[in-house]
Protein backbone atom coordinates (compact mmCIF):
# COMPACT_ATOMS: atom_id res chain seq x y z
CA MET A 1 116.95 32.15 120.17
CA GLN A 2 113.43 32.16 118.68
CA ALA A 3 112.68 30.02 115.60
CA ASP A 4 112.01 33.04 113.37
CA GLU A 5 115.32 34.58 114.46
CA LEU A 6 117.15 31.38 113.52
CA VAL A 7 115.81 31.63 109.96
CA HIS A 8 117.71 34.89 109.55
CA GLU A 9 120.78 33.92 111.60
CA VAL A 10 121.57 30.54 110.01
CA ASP A 11 122.44 30.44 106.30
CA ASP A 12 122.74 26.65 105.94
CA PRO A 13 119.24 25.07 105.75
CA ASN A 14 120.54 21.76 107.10
CA GLU A 15 122.09 23.52 110.09
CA LEU A 16 118.86 25.42 110.69
CA LEU A 17 116.92 22.16 110.55
CA LYS A 18 119.25 20.62 113.12
CA GLN A 19 118.98 23.63 115.43
CA LEU A 20 115.20 23.28 115.41
CA VAL A 21 114.62 19.52 115.59
CA TRP A 22 117.76 18.44 117.49
CA PRO A 23 119.36 21.50 119.12
CA PRO A 24 122.89 20.50 120.22
CA SER A 25 122.85 22.66 123.35
CA TYR A 26 119.47 21.41 124.55
CA GLN A 27 119.24 19.98 128.05
CA ASN A 28 116.47 17.62 129.03
CA PRO A 29 114.10 18.96 131.69
CA ILE A 30 113.77 17.61 135.22
CA PRO A 31 110.98 15.03 134.95
CA LYS A 32 107.73 15.39 136.84
CA LYS A 33 106.90 12.83 139.49
CA LYS A 34 104.26 11.27 137.27
CA TYR A 35 102.80 12.18 133.89
CA HIS A 36 99.36 11.66 132.46
CA LEU A 37 100.95 10.66 129.17
CA VAL A 38 104.46 9.77 128.00
CA VAL A 39 104.79 9.61 124.24
CA VAL A 40 107.76 7.79 122.69
CA GLY A 41 108.50 9.11 119.22
CA ALA A 42 108.18 12.63 117.81
CA GLY A 43 106.91 11.92 114.31
CA PRO A 44 103.46 13.15 113.24
CA ALA A 45 101.61 10.71 115.50
CA GLY A 46 103.64 11.51 118.60
CA LEU A 47 103.73 15.24 117.98
CA ILE A 48 99.98 15.58 117.55
CA ALA A 49 99.21 13.32 120.51
CA SER A 50 101.56 15.16 122.87
CA ILE A 51 100.64 18.75 121.98
CA SER A 52 96.91 17.93 121.93
CA ALA A 53 97.07 16.32 125.36
CA ALA A 54 99.13 19.18 126.78
CA GLY A 55 96.64 21.67 125.35
CA LEU A 56 93.91 19.97 127.35
CA GLY A 57 95.90 20.42 130.55
CA ALA A 58 97.57 17.02 130.84
CA ASP A 59 101.15 16.58 132.05
CA VAL A 60 102.94 15.21 128.99
CA ALA A 61 106.45 14.03 128.20
CA LEU A 62 107.68 13.48 124.64
CA VAL A 63 110.73 11.29 123.97
CA GLU A 64 112.65 11.37 120.67
CA LYS A 65 115.91 9.58 119.83
CA ALA A 66 116.72 10.98 116.38
CA HIS A 67 115.00 14.19 115.28
CA MET A 68 111.69 15.90 115.87
CA GLY A 69 109.29 15.72 112.96
CA GLY A 70 109.97 12.09 112.11
CA ASP A 71 110.00 10.84 108.55
CA CYS A 72 107.33 13.27 107.34
CA LEU A 73 109.48 16.35 107.89
CA ASN A 74 112.96 14.94 107.45
CA ASN A 75 112.81 12.26 104.76
CA GLY A 76 109.21 11.75 103.70
CA CYS A 77 106.26 13.95 102.78
CA VAL A 78 107.89 17.37 103.03
CA PRO A 79 111.13 16.83 101.04
CA SER A 80 109.56 14.54 98.44
CA LYS A 81 106.64 16.87 97.72
CA ALA A 82 108.97 19.87 97.62
CA LEU A 83 111.07 18.16 94.95
CA LEU A 84 107.97 17.10 93.02
CA ALA A 85 106.57 20.62 93.05
CA TYR A 86 109.88 22.16 92.02
CA THR A 87 110.46 19.82 89.08
CA GLN A 88 106.84 20.09 87.93
CA ARG A 89 107.03 23.89 87.81
CA ASN A 90 110.58 24.26 86.48
CA LYS A 91 111.17 22.39 83.24
CA ASP A 92 114.90 23.19 83.22
CA ALA A 93 115.47 22.44 86.90
CA SER A 94 118.94 21.36 87.95
CA PHE A 95 119.80 18.88 90.68
CA GLU A 96 121.58 21.53 92.73
CA ASP A 97 118.71 24.03 92.52
CA ALA A 98 116.02 21.45 93.24
CA PHE A 99 117.72 19.93 96.27
CA SER A 100 118.65 23.38 97.59
CA TRP A 101 115.00 24.42 97.29
CA MET A 102 113.89 21.25 99.05
CA ARG A 103 116.23 21.86 101.98
CA GLN A 104 115.07 25.46 102.32
CA ILE A 105 111.43 24.38 102.37
CA ARG A 106 112.16 21.65 104.90
CA ALA A 107 113.99 24.07 107.20
CA SER A 108 111.26 26.72 106.87
CA ILE A 109 108.61 24.23 107.98
CA ALA A 110 110.68 22.69 110.78
CA HIS A 111 109.73 25.27 113.40
CA HIS A 112 106.25 23.65 113.52
CA ASP A 113 107.92 20.48 114.84
CA SER A 114 110.70 22.14 116.83
CA VAL A 115 111.75 21.33 120.38
CA GLN A 116 111.17 24.95 121.30
CA ARG A 117 107.58 25.01 120.11
CA TYR A 118 106.65 21.89 122.03
CA ALA A 119 108.45 22.98 125.17
CA GLU A 120 106.63 26.32 125.04
CA ALA A 121 103.33 24.42 124.60
CA GLY A 122 103.91 22.70 127.94
CA VAL A 123 105.37 19.41 126.72
CA ASP A 124 108.46 18.10 128.53
CA VAL A 125 110.71 17.13 125.61
CA PHE A 126 113.40 14.51 126.28
CA LEU A 127 115.98 13.89 123.55
CA GLY A 128 117.47 10.42 123.74
CA GLU A 129 116.58 6.77 123.29
CA GLY A 130 113.95 5.37 125.61
CA SER A 131 113.40 1.82 126.84
CA PHE A 132 110.87 0.31 129.21
CA LYS A 133 111.66 -1.21 132.60
CA SER A 134 109.84 -4.25 133.87
CA SER A 135 108.46 -2.02 136.62
CA GLY A 136 106.40 -0.18 133.99
CA GLU A 137 108.45 3.00 133.65
CA LEU A 138 110.46 4.45 130.78
CA VAL A 139 114.15 5.27 131.03
CA VAL A 140 115.68 7.96 128.81
CA GLY A 141 118.97 9.80 129.20
CA GLY A 142 119.58 8.38 132.65
CA VAL A 143 116.23 9.52 134.08
CA THR A 144 113.06 7.55 134.73
CA LEU A 145 109.64 8.66 133.53
CA ALA A 146 106.52 7.40 135.28
CA SER A 147 103.12 7.82 133.68
CA ARG A 148 99.47 6.83 133.88
CA ARG A 149 99.56 5.96 130.16
CA PHE A 150 102.35 5.42 127.61
CA VAL A 151 102.19 5.79 123.84
CA ILE A 152 104.47 4.01 121.36
CA ALA A 153 104.81 6.23 118.29
CA THR A 154 108.31 5.32 117.17
CA GLY A 155 107.58 5.08 113.46
CA ALA A 156 109.31 2.83 110.96
CA ARG A 157 112.37 2.78 108.74
CA SER A 158 113.28 1.37 105.34
CA LYS A 159 113.72 -2.35 105.03
CA LEU A 160 116.40 -3.86 102.81
CA PRO A 161 115.25 -6.99 100.98
CA ARG A 162 117.47 -10.06 100.91
CA ILE A 163 118.92 -9.49 97.46
CA PRO A 164 122.46 -10.85 97.05
CA GLY A 165 124.98 -8.02 96.83
CA LEU A 166 122.52 -5.29 97.78
CA GLN A 167 123.88 -4.49 101.21
CA GLU A 168 127.45 -4.42 99.90
CA ALA A 169 126.36 -1.85 97.29
CA ASN A 170 125.57 0.62 100.10
CA PRO A 171 122.18 1.54 98.63
CA LEU A 172 120.25 4.70 99.28
CA THR A 173 116.99 4.59 101.20
CA PRO A 174 114.47 7.41 101.75
CA GLU A 175 116.36 8.13 104.99
CA SER A 176 119.55 8.96 103.05
CA PHE A 177 118.25 9.96 99.61
CA PHE A 178 117.37 13.54 100.55
CA GLU A 179 120.88 14.14 101.87
CA LEU A 180 122.40 13.62 98.41
CA THR A 181 124.85 16.36 97.49
CA ASP A 182 126.30 14.99 94.24
CA PHE A 183 124.22 14.55 91.10
CA PRO A 184 123.83 10.85 90.19
CA GLU A 185 124.18 10.28 86.45
CA SER A 186 122.19 7.05 86.74
CA LEU A 187 119.91 5.59 89.37
CA ALA A 188 118.17 2.22 89.86
CA ILE A 189 115.04 2.37 92.01
CA LEU A 190 113.83 -0.90 93.47
CA GLY A 191 110.09 -0.71 94.06
CA GLY A 192 107.30 0.75 91.94
CA GLY A 193 105.09 1.91 94.78
CA ALA A 194 104.30 5.53 95.61
CA VAL A 195 107.80 6.43 96.85
CA GLY A 196 109.55 4.73 93.95
CA CYS A 197 107.34 6.32 91.30
CA GLU A 198 107.52 9.81 92.81
CA LEU A 199 111.30 9.85 93.13
CA ALA A 200 111.77 8.22 89.72
CA GLN A 201 109.86 11.08 88.10
CA VAL A 202 111.76 13.70 90.11
CA MET A 203 115.19 12.37 89.20
CA ALA A 204 114.35 11.79 85.55
CA LYS A 205 113.24 15.42 85.26
CA LEU A 206 116.55 16.46 86.81
CA GLY A 207 118.45 14.59 84.10
CA THR A 208 119.32 11.33 85.83
CA LYS A 209 118.98 8.12 83.82
CA VAL A 210 116.47 6.23 85.95
CA HIS A 211 115.63 2.52 85.89
CA LEU A 212 112.49 1.72 87.92
CA PHE A 213 112.04 -1.96 88.85
CA GLU A 214 108.76 -3.45 90.05
CA ALA A 215 108.39 -7.22 90.47
CA GLN A 216 104.60 -7.05 90.04
CA ASN A 217 103.11 -6.56 86.59
CA SER A 218 101.94 -3.03 87.30
CA LEU A 219 103.12 0.14 89.00
CA LEU A 220 101.40 1.04 92.28
CA PRO A 221 100.42 -2.62 92.70
CA ALA A 222 98.23 -1.82 95.71
CA GLU A 223 95.98 0.36 93.52
CA GLU A 224 93.55 -0.46 90.72
CA ASN A 225 95.27 -1.98 87.70
CA PHE A 226 93.94 0.71 85.35
CA VAL A 227 96.16 3.42 86.87
CA SER A 228 99.40 1.67 85.95
CA GLY A 229 99.22 2.22 82.19
CA PRO A 230 98.71 6.00 82.22
CA LEU A 231 101.23 6.43 85.01
CA GLN A 232 103.85 4.33 83.22
CA SER A 233 103.29 6.28 80.00
CA SER A 234 103.81 9.55 81.85
CA LEU A 235 106.99 8.32 83.57
CA GLU A 236 108.38 7.07 80.29
CA ARG A 237 107.69 10.41 78.61
CA ASP A 238 109.80 11.97 81.36
CA GLY A 239 112.61 9.53 80.58
CA VAL A 240 112.12 6.82 83.21
CA LEU A 241 112.97 3.30 82.03
CA VAL A 242 110.18 1.25 83.61
CA HIS A 243 110.66 -2.47 84.30
CA THR A 244 107.39 -4.04 85.48
CA GLY A 245 107.10 -7.77 86.08
CA ASP A 246 110.88 -7.73 86.37
CA ARG A 247 112.29 -9.07 89.63
CA VAL A 248 115.78 -7.96 90.69
CA GLU A 249 117.86 -11.08 91.34
CA ARG A 250 121.21 -9.68 92.54
CA ILE A 251 123.58 -6.73 92.55
CA GLU A 252 127.02 -7.21 91.04
CA GLY A 253 130.14 -5.09 91.43
CA GLY A 254 128.46 -2.67 93.80
CA GLY A 255 126.30 -1.07 91.11
CA THR A 256 125.09 -3.46 88.41
CA VAL A 257 121.47 -4.49 88.85
CA VAL A 258 120.81 -7.95 87.48
CA SER A 259 117.11 -8.58 86.92
CA GLN A 260 115.09 -11.15 85.03
CA SER A 261 115.32 -8.97 81.91
CA GLY A 262 119.03 -8.16 81.91
CA SER A 263 121.89 -6.24 83.55
CA TYR A 264 121.87 -2.51 84.20
CA LYS A 265 124.85 -0.59 85.55
CA CYS A 266 123.84 2.36 87.71
CA GLN A 267 125.81 4.85 89.77
CA LYS A 268 123.34 4.72 92.68
CA ILE A 269 120.66 2.32 93.91
CA LEU A 270 117.61 3.46 95.86
CA VAL A 271 115.54 0.91 97.78
CA ALA A 272 111.84 1.67 98.19
CA LEU A 273 110.53 -1.78 99.08
CA GLY A 274 108.77 -1.58 102.41
CA ARG A 275 109.47 -0.62 106.00
CA GLN A 276 110.05 -2.14 109.41
CA PRO A 277 108.95 -0.77 112.81
CA ASN A 278 111.33 0.97 115.22
CA THR A 279 110.38 -1.08 118.26
CA GLU A 280 113.24 -3.49 118.91
CA GLU A 281 115.04 -1.26 121.45
CA LEU A 282 111.99 -0.54 123.61
CA CYS A 283 112.03 -3.84 125.57
CA LEU A 284 108.29 -4.22 125.03
CA SER A 285 108.21 -7.88 126.02
CA ALA A 286 109.17 -6.91 129.56
CA LEU A 287 105.78 -5.23 129.87
CA GLY A 288 103.75 -7.91 128.15
CA VAL A 289 103.32 -5.97 124.92
CA LYS A 290 102.94 -8.54 122.15
CA CYS A 291 104.13 -7.86 118.60
CA ASP A 292 103.60 -9.64 115.32
CA GLY A 293 106.44 -11.38 113.51
CA PHE A 294 107.65 -8.09 112.05
CA GLY A 295 107.77 -6.19 115.34
CA HIS A 296 104.51 -4.23 115.03
CA PRO A 297 102.75 -3.91 118.39
CA LEU A 298 99.36 -5.62 118.32
CA ILE A 299 96.59 -3.13 119.02
CA ASP A 300 92.82 -3.29 119.42
CA SER A 301 90.22 -0.97 117.93
CA LYS A 302 90.89 1.53 120.75
CA LEU A 303 94.66 1.61 119.92
CA ARG A 304 95.59 -0.30 123.10
CA THR A 305 98.35 -2.89 123.08
CA THR A 306 98.12 -6.13 125.04
CA ASN A 307 99.24 -4.05 128.03
CA LYS A 308 96.22 -1.78 128.52
CA LYS A 309 98.37 1.04 129.95
CA ILE A 310 100.33 1.23 126.70
CA TYR A 311 98.94 2.43 123.37
CA ALA A 312 100.54 2.35 119.93
CA ILE A 313 99.88 4.67 116.98
CA GLY A 314 101.45 5.68 113.69
CA ASP A 315 103.74 3.81 111.33
CA CYS A 316 105.09 1.45 114.00
CA THR A 317 101.71 -0.33 114.04
CA GLY A 318 102.09 -1.39 110.40
CA HIS A 319 98.65 -0.10 109.43
CA TYR A 320 98.16 2.68 106.89
CA GLN A 321 101.50 4.49 106.93
CA PHE A 322 100.32 7.98 106.10
CA THR A 323 100.71 11.21 108.02
CA HIS A 324 96.97 11.88 107.88
CA PHE A 325 96.19 8.44 109.30
CA ALA A 326 98.73 8.98 112.08
CA ASP A 327 97.01 12.32 112.76
CA ALA A 328 93.62 10.61 113.08
CA GLN A 329 95.04 7.93 115.37
CA ALA A 330 96.69 10.53 117.58
CA ARG A 331 93.45 12.44 118.08
CA ALA A 332 91.59 9.25 118.94
CA LEU A 333 94.42 8.25 121.27
CA VAL A 334 94.15 11.42 123.35
CA GLN A 335 90.47 10.77 123.98
CA ASN A 336 90.98 7.08 124.75
CA ALA A 337 94.05 7.45 126.97
CA LEU A 338 92.90 10.46 128.97
CA PHE A 339 89.11 10.38 128.91
CA ALA A 340 86.37 8.00 127.70
CA ASN A 341 87.83 5.04 125.82
CA THR A 342 85.41 5.27 122.89
CA ALA A 343 87.23 6.75 119.88
CA LYS A 344 87.99 4.60 116.84
CA VAL A 345 89.71 5.19 113.51
CA SER A 346 88.45 3.67 110.25
CA PRO A 347 91.41 2.67 108.06
CA GLU A 348 89.07 1.58 105.26
CA LYS A 349 87.97 5.21 104.85
CA THR A 350 91.49 6.64 104.76
CA PRO A 351 92.52 8.17 101.42
CA ARG A 352 95.79 7.31 99.69
CA SER A 353 97.59 9.67 97.32
CA THR A 354 100.60 9.45 95.02
CA TYR A 355 101.84 12.84 93.84
CA THR A 356 103.29 11.97 90.47
CA GLN A 357 102.12 13.53 87.22
CA PRO A 358 99.38 12.37 86.86
CA GLU A 359 98.41 12.04 90.53
CA VAL A 360 96.70 8.90 91.79
CA ALA A 361 94.30 8.95 94.74
CA SER A 362 92.00 6.30 96.16
CA VAL A 363 89.86 5.46 99.16
CA GLY A 364 88.20 2.29 100.34
CA ALA A 365 88.25 -1.02 98.51
CA ASN A 366 89.38 -1.74 94.98
CA THR A 367 88.00 -4.35 92.60
CA ARG A 368 90.52 -7.02 93.66
CA MET A 369 89.54 -6.67 97.31
CA LEU A 370 85.83 -6.84 96.55
CA ASP A 371 86.26 -9.80 94.21
CA ASP A 372 88.26 -11.65 96.88
CA GLN A 373 85.53 -10.92 99.42
CA GLY A 374 82.79 -12.05 97.06
CA GLU A 375 81.18 -8.60 97.31
CA GLU A 376 79.00 -7.65 94.35
CA TYR A 377 79.32 -4.08 93.13
CA ASP A 378 78.38 -1.65 90.39
CA THR A 379 80.91 0.58 88.65
CA TYR A 380 80.43 4.25 87.79
CA GLU A 381 83.00 6.17 85.77
CA CYS A 382 83.73 9.64 84.45
CA PHE A 383 86.55 11.05 82.33
CA PHE A 384 87.35 14.61 83.31
CA ASP A 385 87.74 15.64 79.68
CA GLU A 386 83.98 15.06 79.37
CA LEU A 387 83.51 18.08 81.64
CA ASP A 388 82.94 21.51 80.14
CA ARG A 389 85.61 22.92 82.47
CA ILE A 390 88.25 21.01 80.53
CA LYS A 391 86.70 21.81 77.16
CA VAL A 392 86.39 25.57 77.67
CA GLY A 393 89.92 25.67 79.04
CA LYS A 394 91.18 24.09 75.81
CA LEU A 395 93.22 21.70 77.95
CA SER A 396 92.56 18.87 75.53
CA GLU A 397 94.80 20.29 72.82
CA GLY A 398 97.95 18.27 72.42
CA ALA A 399 97.49 16.44 75.70
CA HIS A 400 96.91 12.81 76.52
CA ARG A 401 93.46 11.91 77.80
CA GLU A 402 94.75 10.38 81.03
CA GLU A 403 96.37 13.71 81.91
CA HIS A 404 92.93 15.28 82.31
CA GLY A 405 91.76 12.71 84.79
CA PHE A 406 89.52 9.71 85.26
CA VAL A 407 87.42 8.60 88.22
CA ARG A 408 85.94 5.21 89.00
CA VAL A 409 83.56 4.62 91.90
CA LEU A 410 82.55 1.19 93.16
CA ALA A 411 79.11 1.06 94.79
CA LYS A 412 77.25 -1.74 96.49
CA ARG A 413 75.32 -3.77 93.89
CA GLY A 414 71.83 -2.40 93.44
CA GLY A 415 72.42 0.57 95.76
CA ASP A 416 74.40 3.77 96.08
CA GLN A 417 76.69 2.96 99.04
CA ILE A 418 80.26 3.84 98.04
CA LEU A 419 82.66 0.94 98.65
CA GLY A 420 85.73 2.48 97.05
CA ALA A 421 86.93 5.06 94.56
CA THR A 422 90.04 5.80 92.51
CA ILE A 423 91.02 8.95 90.63
CA ILE A 424 93.96 9.47 88.30
CA GLY A 425 94.79 12.90 86.94
CA PRO A 426 95.82 16.41 88.01
CA ASN A 427 94.95 17.20 91.64
CA ALA A 428 93.53 13.71 92.23
CA GLY A 429 94.41 13.98 95.92
CA ASP A 430 92.15 17.05 96.19
CA ASP A 431 89.42 15.76 93.88
CA ILE A 432 88.86 12.63 95.95
CA ALA A 433 88.11 14.61 99.14
CA PRO A 434 84.31 14.84 98.55
CA LEU A 435 84.12 11.07 98.08
CA VAL A 436 86.03 10.56 101.35
CA VAL A 437 83.56 12.84 103.12
CA MET A 438 80.66 10.90 101.63
CA MET A 439 82.07 7.53 102.67
CA THR A 440 82.88 8.76 106.18
CA ASN A 441 79.34 10.07 106.64
CA ASN A 442 77.64 7.11 104.93
CA LEU A 443 76.33 9.24 102.07
CA GLY A 444 75.64 7.40 98.83
CA LEU A 445 75.81 8.56 95.22
CA GLY A 446 72.13 9.42 95.30
CA SER A 447 72.75 12.09 97.94
CA ILE A 448 74.59 14.21 95.37
CA SER A 449 71.53 14.77 93.19
CA SER A 450 70.27 17.78 95.16
CA THR A 451 73.72 19.39 95.48
CA ILE A 452 74.48 22.40 93.26
CA PHE A 453 78.04 22.68 91.91
CA SER A 454 79.69 25.72 90.34
CA TYR A 455 79.77 25.66 86.55
CA PRO A 456 82.14 25.02 84.92
CA THR A 457 84.34 23.20 87.46
CA ARG A 458 85.94 19.81 87.85
CA SER A 459 83.61 19.17 90.78
CA GLU A 460 80.86 18.40 88.28
CA TYR A 461 82.29 14.92 88.01
CA LEU A 462 80.26 14.19 91.14
CA LYS A 463 77.06 15.23 89.39
CA LYS A 464 77.90 12.97 86.45
CA LEU A 465 78.45 10.03 88.79
CA SER A 466 75.15 10.74 90.52
CA ASP A 467 73.35 11.00 87.17
CA ALA A 468 74.82 7.66 86.12
CA PHE A 469 73.51 6.10 89.33
CA ARG A 470 70.04 7.65 88.90
CA LYS A 471 69.76 6.22 85.40
CA THR A 472 70.04 2.74 86.90
CA ARG A 473 66.96 3.52 89.00
CA LEU A 474 64.91 4.02 85.83
CA THR A 475 63.96 0.36 85.41
CA PRO A 476 61.52 -0.69 82.65
CA PHE A 477 58.79 -0.97 85.27
CA VAL A 478 59.41 2.55 86.62
CA ALA A 479 59.68 3.93 83.08
CA GLY A 480 56.32 2.35 82.28
CA LEU A 481 54.72 3.99 85.30
CA PHE A 482 56.12 7.38 84.24
CA ARG A 483 54.74 6.99 80.70
CA ARG A 484 51.31 5.95 81.99
CA TRP A 485 51.19 8.95 84.35
CA LEU A 486 52.20 11.36 81.60
CA ARG A 487 49.51 10.01 79.28
CA LEU A 488 46.90 10.46 81.97
CA THR A 489 47.97 13.99 82.86
CA ALA A 490 48.08 15.06 79.19
CA ARG A 491 44.27 14.76 78.85
């Protein structure tokens, strides 16, 4: 049955999802004698690598032990952003309606990652758990796959911290959160990173009493400190009880969170405190693939492990754990594994986005990183409510300034090279795109001066940043030369 036919034939979105990403009647194909590429893991990294290689004419096998689409489709980007969008657009959203909407969206997108699509694209899809043999082959479902190159793209899963009583409380993780069917009256979220903040805002808007715990003194501790205050204010306006600088010490009675500040009884606990790689069942040591102490395969700049026939990409490497970074790695991997081994990926130029209200987006270094490195830098800033687009739209009335947006760019001291940037405000993830392009192509703030932007638009923030940089070029000496020239030419 075709994917579009399934949409009409299956009423239950969860059943439709299963039919697409783990069809129960599916039978693994007869393996080829030898493949160009065998990819282990069908998350974003593995999917893109396998279909790209097959599209170039390579013989490709794709192995998946749980469900096609990985975290992004099943319990990451797609369901979380669907819930965020639904609750942002529907002020009176209910838990049942929001989660039903999320599951419909997830199922409607699943055909992109389906077994059928990849099989039709020429990829041999094997469902089952794979492990390496010392002879250099991969075994899955009782068959052996031989290949010129192998790719580890097995992703990562949530990691439970060693908090007394936590495991006994049977906490939720992002892997189980999106399968909730009963509305939780109260919820404790451990971790104030992107996942914790996003889901805290979602659940508070749905009427759950949410306690958000972050041991560091600020939310999104990996970002610039200045984003925490506006974000916390926004979460609190939505009803989230934010506990920053408040370490959770233990869980009592299966549901009482005891932190440094007090005790809080909650119906459910959600852990959003880091991830661990899915590599322990692969028997990597048998092939000389070295891992760090957490199980991440060690890779070089060309994505090769310590066994040069085996590459590793995506979340299992422990680098930037974003779908778009996995995408970039997968594209570089195809070139390196099949053709000239020259492609590299620059993690320092990879954007990061948190889709709360307000959104937070950043790229490159922040002030803490640069200070630690002893790098001198200049700072350029712009509030979006200084733009005429905001003023003519009357968006300032009754709103908080941080809701309009704020951008800060860090440039190399005395020059215009962009070292990092952070934006907080509506559509920050979109607004930061031009700065990412500039960093990637080594374009400085001065390069904006000749660019014409539509008026009035938010994009004019770039012009304001460029103008701020150009003003620093007008030193007293240069200003004196200008005045002297103007006096001479006035005669």
